[in-house]
Amino acid sequence: MQIQSPCVVSLTWRLEDAQGQLIDELAQPVEFFYGGVDLLEQVEASLLDQSTGFEASLHLEPEHAFGDYIADLVFFEERSVFPDGIEIGMQIEGMPEGAVTPDMPEDVVYTVTEVYPTHVVLDGNHPLAGLALRLHLTVQAVREATADEVEAGSVGQPAFSVLNAVPPSPNLH
């Protein structure tokens, strides 16, 4: 079966930064919805009309991956707003309850990048924002998408979400 929208592709890949440092590796195939929100636009473009066994090596500049790093998405919040177990790497969906920073976007996933006795640093940029990436991928399988997958535009979570997964906590993940 050729890759056309909508379908589901099963991929393995190796993701590196521009200097060749490993960021992520999918050694076991993972399914992604083609024609929805699961894959980056340039990744989808490389897969169009391909089939099982296809391999590609892509260079993704920040604007074709996770965007430029935006310093205005870094915020300092009072430590008292957070639970005792707050740790670097945890993520918070939207503004933390009790946040006092003006103009802090509510529809952003924030990563805790520093924890100090008096404040916590939150970064609303994707962890890979500002990075050029190299991606070598292999199509392991292609199948028709189910009606539910077509309706959702996804088979689950968008690609690269595994890179910023952390254990769940109340209002944190």
C-alpha atoms as a PDB file:
ATOM      1  CA  MET A   1       0.000   0.000   0.000  1.00  0.00           C
ATOM      2  CA  GLN A   2       1.291   3.451  -0.883  1.00  0.00           C
ATOM      3  CA  ILE A   3       1.282   6.209   1.693  1.00  0.00           C
ATOM      4  CA  GLN A   4      -1.601   8.575   0.979  1.00  0.00           C
ATOM      5  CA  SER A   5      -3.786  10.660   3.268  1.00  0.00           C
ATOM      6  CA  PRO A   6      -5.407   9.248   5.340  1.00  0.00           C
ATOM      7  CA  CYS A   7      -3.492   6.130   6.372  1.00  0.00           C
ATOM      8  CA  VAL A   8      -1.377   4.842   9.239  1.00  0.00           C
ATOM      9  CA  VAL A   9       2.363   4.377   8.875  1.00  0.00           C
ATOM     10  CA  SER A  10       4.530   2.334  11.191  1.00  0.00           C
ATOM     11  CA  LEU A  11       7.975   3.917  11.551  1.00  0.00           C
ATOM     12  CA  THR A  12      11.328   3.378  13.156  1.00  0.00           C
ATOM     13  CA  TRP A  13      13.781   6.270  13.356  1.00  0.00           C
ATOM     14  CA  ARG A  14      16.906   7.800  14.752  1.00  0.00           C
ATOM     15  CA  LEU A  15      16.680  11.486  15.675  1.00  0.00           C
ATOM     16  CA  GLU A  16      19.875  13.491  16.209  1.00  0.00           C
ATOM     17  CA  ASP A  17      20.787  17.123  16.654  1.00  0.00           C
ATOM     18  CA  ALA A  18      22.829  18.832  13.926  1.00  0.00           C
ATOM     19  CA  GLN A  19      26.067  17.652  15.599  1.00  0.00           C
ATOM     20  CA  GLY A  20      24.993  13.998  15.494  1.00  0.00           C
ATOM     21  CA  GLN A  21      24.088  13.644  19.191  1.00  0.00           C
ATOM     22  CA  LEU A  22      21.298  11.103  19.674  1.00  0.00           C
ATOM     23  CA  ILE A  23      18.023  12.662  20.886  1.00  0.00           C
ATOM     24  CA  ASP A  24      15.550   9.828  20.334  1.00  0.00           C
ATOM     25  CA  GLU A  25      15.475   6.414  18.762  1.00  0.00           C
ATOM     26  CA  LEU A  26      12.470   4.306  17.887  1.00  0.00           C
ATOM     27  CA  ALA A  27      13.959   0.832  17.514  1.00  0.00           C
ATOM     28  CA  GLN A  28      10.530  -0.808  17.610  1.00  0.00           C
ATOM     29  CA  PRO A  29       7.925   0.389  15.074  1.00  0.00           C
ATOM     30  CA  VAL A  30       5.431   2.988  16.255  1.00  0.00           C
ATOM     31  CA  GLU A  31       2.240   3.884  14.379  1.00  0.00           C
ATOM     32  CA  PHE A  32       1.482   7.440  13.238  1.00  0.00           C
ATOM     33  CA  PHE A  33      -1.505   8.873  11.416  1.00  0.00           C
ATOM     34  CA  TYR A  34      -0.503  10.233   8.022  1.00  0.00           C
ATOM     35  CA  GLY A  35      -2.557  13.292   7.066  1.00  0.00           C
ATOM     36  CA  GLY A  36      -3.299  14.542  10.562  1.00  0.00           C
ATOM     37  CA  VAL A  37      -1.384  15.914  13.531  1.00  0.00           C
ATOM     38  CA  ASP A  38       0.976  13.030  14.325  1.00  0.00           C
ATOM     39  CA  LEU A  39       3.887  13.949  12.045  1.00  0.00           C
ATOM     40  CA  LEU A  40       5.813  17.073  11.123  1.00  0.00           C
ATOM     41  CA  GLU A  41       4.904  18.517   7.713  1.00  0.00           C
ATOM     42  CA  GLN A  42       8.322  17.853   6.171  1.00  0.00           C
ATOM     43  CA  VAL A  43       8.265  14.246   7.428  1.00  0.00           C
ATOM     44  CA  GLU A  44       4.862  13.726   5.832  1.00  0.00           C
ATOM     45  CA  ALA A  45       6.072  15.270   2.560  1.00  0.00           C
ATOM     46  CA  SER A  46       8.963  12.793   2.411  1.00  0.00           C
ATOM     47  CA  LEU A  47       6.593   9.841   2.939  1.00  0.00           C
ATOM     48  CA  LEU A  48       3.972  10.696   0.296  1.00  0.00           C
ATOM     49  CA  ASP A  49       3.528   7.884  -2.273  1.00  0.00           C
ATOM     50  CA  GLN A  50       6.150   5.695  -0.545  1.00  0.00           C
ATOM     51  CA  SER A  51       5.593   2.192   0.846  1.00  0.00           C
ATOM     52  CA  THR A  52       6.980  -0.362   3.298  1.00  0.00           C
ATOM     53  CA  GLY A  53      10.771  -0.434   3.284  1.00  0.00           C
ATOM     54  CA  PHE A  54      11.201   3.222   2.284  1.00  0.00           C
ATOM     55  CA  GLU A  55      14.066   4.983   4.060  1.00  0.00           C
ATOM     56  CA  ALA A  56      14.786   8.699   4.243  1.00  0.00           C
ATOM     57  CA  SER A  57      17.340  10.947   5.901  1.00  0.00           C
ATOM     58  CA  LEU A  58      15.988  14.424   6.564  1.00  0.00           C
ATOM     59  CA  HIS A  59      17.584  17.618   7.775  1.00  0.00           C
ATOM     60  CA  LEU A  60      15.015  19.743   9.600  1.00  0.00           C
ATOM     61  CA  GLU A  61      15.743  23.384  10.349  1.00  0.00           C
ATOM     62  CA  PRO A  62      13.931  24.766  13.432  1.00  0.00           C
ATOM     63  CA  GLU A  63      11.188  26.375  11.321  1.00  0.00           C
ATOM     64  CA  HIS A  64      10.352  22.918   9.879  1.00  0.00           C
ATOM     65  CA  ALA A  65      10.591  21.140  13.225  1.00  0.00           C
ATOM     66  CA  PHE A  66       9.705  22.754  16.563  1.00  0.00           C
ATOM     67  CA  GLY A  67      10.230  26.410  15.743  1.00  0.00           C
ATOM     68  CA  ASP A  68      12.688  28.988  16.944  1.00  0.00           C
ATOM     69  CA  TYR A  69      13.420  29.368  20.646  1.00  0.00           C
ATOM     70  CA  ILE A  70      11.338  32.248  22.049  1.00  0.00           C
ATOM     71  CA  ALA A  71      12.850  33.828  25.152  1.00  0.00           C
ATOM     72  CA  ASP A  72       9.485  35.472  25.977  1.00  0.00           C
ATOM     73  CA  LEU A  73       8.105  31.994  26.789  1.00  0.00           C
ATOM     74  CA  VAL A  74      10.368  31.659  29.854  1.00  0.00           C
ATOM     75  CA  PHE A  75       8.706  32.609  33.147  1.00  0.00           C
ATOM     76  CA  PHE A  76       9.676  32.854  36.821  1.00  0.00           C
ATOM     77  CA  GLU A  77       6.936  31.852  39.263  1.00  0.00           C
ATOM     78  CA  GLU A  78       6.870  31.848  43.045  1.00  0.00           C
ATOM     79  CA  ARG A  79       7.985  28.502  44.508  1.00  0.00           C
ATOM     80  CA  SER A  80       4.924  28.501  46.780  1.00  0.00           C
ATOM     81  CA  VAL A  81       2.657  27.942  43.738  1.00  0.00           C
ATOM     82  CA  PHE A  82       4.097  24.440  43.225  1.00  0.00           C
ATOM     83  CA  PRO A  83       3.846  21.175  45.186  1.00  0.00           C
ATOM     84  CA  ASP A  84       6.799  20.008  47.289  1.00  0.00           C
ATOM     85  CA  GLY A  85       7.815  17.348  44.773  1.00  0.00           C
ATOM     86  CA  ILE A  86       8.384  19.742  41.863  1.00  0.00           C
ATOM     87  CA  GLU A  87      11.446  18.674  39.856  1.00  0.00           C
ATOM     88  CA  ILE A  88      13.367  19.786  36.798  1.00  0.00           C
ATOM     89  CA  GLY A  89      11.882  18.170  33.698  1.00  0.00           C
ATOM     90  CA  MET A  90       8.295  18.026  34.955  1.00  0.00           C
ATOM     91  CA  GLN A  91       5.703  19.567  32.705  1.00  0.00           C
ATOM     92  CA  ILE A  92       2.641  21.650  33.442  1.00  0.00           C
ATOM     93  CA  GLU A  93      -0.255  22.120  31.057  1.00  0.00           C
ATOM     94  CA  GLY A  94      -1.210  25.786  31.048  1.00  0.00           C
ATOM     95  CA  MET A  95      -0.641  28.323  33.778  1.00  0.00           C
ATOM     96  CA  PRO A  96      -0.103  26.808  37.210  1.00  0.00           C
ATOM     97  CA  GLU A  97      -2.928  27.523  39.641  1.00  0.00           C
ATOM     98  CA  GLY A  98      -2.043  30.646  41.591  1.00  0.00           C
ATOM     99  CA  ALA A  99       0.453  31.946  39.000  1.00  0.00           C
ATOM    100  CA  VAL A 100       0.922  35.695  39.142  1.00  0.00           C
ATOM    101  CA  THR A 101       3.008  36.330  36.017  1.00  0.00           C
ATOM    102  CA  PRO A 102       1.159  38.725  33.699  1.00  0.00           C
ATOM    103  CA  ASP A 103       0.602  37.649  30.086  1.00  0.00           C
ATOM    104  CA  MET A 104       1.589  34.029  30.714  1.00  0.00           C
ATOM    105  CA  PRO A 105      -0.093  32.044  27.905  1.00  0.00           C
ATOM    106  CA  GLU A 106      -2.604  29.513  29.189  1.00  0.00           C
ATOM    107  CA  ASP A 107      -2.522  27.114  26.208  1.00  0.00           C
ATOM    108  CA  VAL A 108       1.143  26.116  26.534  1.00  0.00           C
ATOM    109  CA  VAL A 109       2.883  23.101  28.056  1.00  0.00           C
ATOM    110  CA  TYR A 110       5.591  24.433  30.367  1.00  0.00           C
ATOM    111  CA  THR A 111       8.720  22.499  31.290  1.00  0.00           C
ATOM    112  CA  VAL A 112      10.280  23.094  34.689  1.00  0.00           C
ATOM    113  CA  THR A 113      13.893  24.013  33.891  1.00  0.00           C
ATOM    114  CA  GLU A 114      15.117  25.253  37.299  1.00  0.00           C
ATOM    115  CA  VAL A 115      13.867  24.941  40.881  1.00  0.00           C
ATOM    116  CA  TYR A 116      15.118  27.442  43.457  1.00  0.00           C
ATOM    117  CA  PRO A 117      14.068  27.984  47.080  1.00  0.00           C
ATOM    118  CA  THR A 118      12.069  31.112  46.140  1.00  0.00           C
ATOM    119  CA  HIS A 119      11.035  30.528  42.519  1.00  0.00           C
ATOM    120  CA  VAL A 120      10.655  28.040  39.678  1.00  0.00           C
ATOM    121  CA  VAL A 121      11.645  28.653  36.049  1.00  0.00           C
ATOM    122  CA  LEU A 122       9.076  27.532  33.469  1.00  0.00           C
ATOM    123  CA  ASP A 123       9.893  27.264  29.760  1.00  0.00           C
ATOM    124  CA  GLY A 124       6.987  27.242  27.305  1.00  0.00           C
ATOM    125  CA  ASN A 125       9.178  26.326  24.342  1.00  0.00           C
ATOM    126  CA  HIS A 126       9.176  22.770  23.013  1.00  0.00           C
ATOM    127  CA  PRO A 127      12.328  21.037  24.345  1.00  0.00           C
ATOM    128  CA  LEU A 128      13.647  20.861  20.765  1.00  0.00           C
ATOM    129  CA  ALA A 129      12.798  24.471  19.809  1.00  0.00           C
ATOM    130  CA  GLY A 130      15.666  26.263  18.123  1.00  0.00           C
ATOM    131  CA  LEU A 131      17.439  23.057  17.142  1.00  0.00           C
ATOM    132  CA  ALA A 132      18.225  21.829  13.652  1.00  0.00           C
ATOM    133  CA  LEU A 133      17.564  18.089  13.566  1.00  0.00           C
ATOM    134  CA  ARG A 134      18.624  15.077  11.538  1.00  0.00           C
ATOM    135  CA  LEU A 135      16.086  12.284  11.195  1.00  0.00           C
ATOM    136  CA  HIS A 136      16.688   8.918   9.581  1.00  0.00           C
ATOM    137  CA  LEU A 137      13.430   7.001   9.273  1.00  0.00           C
ATOM    138  CA  THR A 138      12.272   3.678   7.863  1.00  0.00           C
ATOM    139  CA  VAL A 139       8.688   2.753   6.950  1.00  0.00           C
ATOM    140  CA  GLN A 140       7.988  -0.612   8.556  1.00  0.00           C
ATOM    141  CA  ALA A 141       4.322  -0.928   7.517  1.00  0.00           C
ATOM    142  CA  VAL A 142       1.420   0.989   6.003  1.00  0.00           C
ATOM    143  CA  ARG A 143      -2.272   0.306   6.648  1.00  0.00           C
ATOM    144  CA  GLU A 144      -5.635   1.908   6.130  1.00  0.00           C
ATOM    145  CA  ALA A 145      -6.743   4.216   8.918  1.00  0.00           C
ATOM    146  CA  THR A 146      -9.816   3.293  10.931  1.00  0.00           C
ATOM    147  CA  ALA A 147     -12.842   5.592  10.975  1.00  0.00           C
ATOM    148  CA  ASP A 148     -11.971   6.629  14.555  1.00  0.00           C
ATOM    149  CA  GLU A 149      -8.396   7.488  13.552  1.00  0.00           C
ATOM    150  CA  VAL A 150      -9.612   9.531  10.584  1.00  0.00           C
ATOM    151  CA  GLU A 151     -12.085  11.406  12.796  1.00  0.00           C
ATOM    152  CA  ALA A 152      -9.384  12.108  15.413  1.00  0.00           C
ATOM    153  CA  GLY A 153      -6.672  12.880  12.835  1.00  0.00           C
ATOM    154  CA  SER A 154      -4.337  10.833  15.025  1.00  0.00           C
ATOM    155  CA  VAL A 155      -3.563   7.342  16.291  1.00  0.00           C
ATOM    156  CA  GLY A 156      -2.655   8.710  19.701  1.00  0.00           C
ATOM    157  CA  GLN A 157       0.015  11.208  20.561  1.00  0.00           C
ATOM    158  CA  PRO A 158       1.893  13.434  18.118  1.00  0.00           C
ATOM    159  CA  ALA A 159       5.371  12.389  17.095  1.00  0.00           C
ATOM    160  CA  PHE A 160       8.199  13.284  19.448  1.00  0.00           C
ATOM    161  CA  SER A 161       5.858  13.467  22.447  1.00  0.00           C
ATOM    162  CA  VAL A 162       7.914  10.656  23.970  1.00  0.00           C
ATOM    163  CA  LEU A 163      10.742  13.176  24.253  1.00  0.00           C
ATOM    164  CA  ASN A 164       8.974  15.194  26.895  1.00  0.00           C
ATOM    165  CA  ALA A 165       7.018  12.585  28.788  1.00  0.00           C
ATOM    166  CA  VAL A 166       7.444  12.627  32.546  1.00  0.00           C
ATOM    167  CA  PRO A 167       5.614  10.796  35.343  1.00  0.00           C
ATOM    168  CA  PRO A 168       2.151  12.190  36.041  1.00  0.00           C
ATOM    169  CA  SER A 169       1.525  14.331  39.111  1.00  0.00           C
ATOM    170  CA  PRO A 170      -1.434  16.513  40.056  1.00  0.00           C
ATOM    171  CA  ASN A 171      -1.569  19.273  37.380  1.00  0.00           C
ATOM    172  CA  LEU A 172       1.890  18.122  36.262  1.00  0.00           C
ATOM    173  CA  HIS A 173       3.024  15.611  33.653  1.00  0.00           C
END
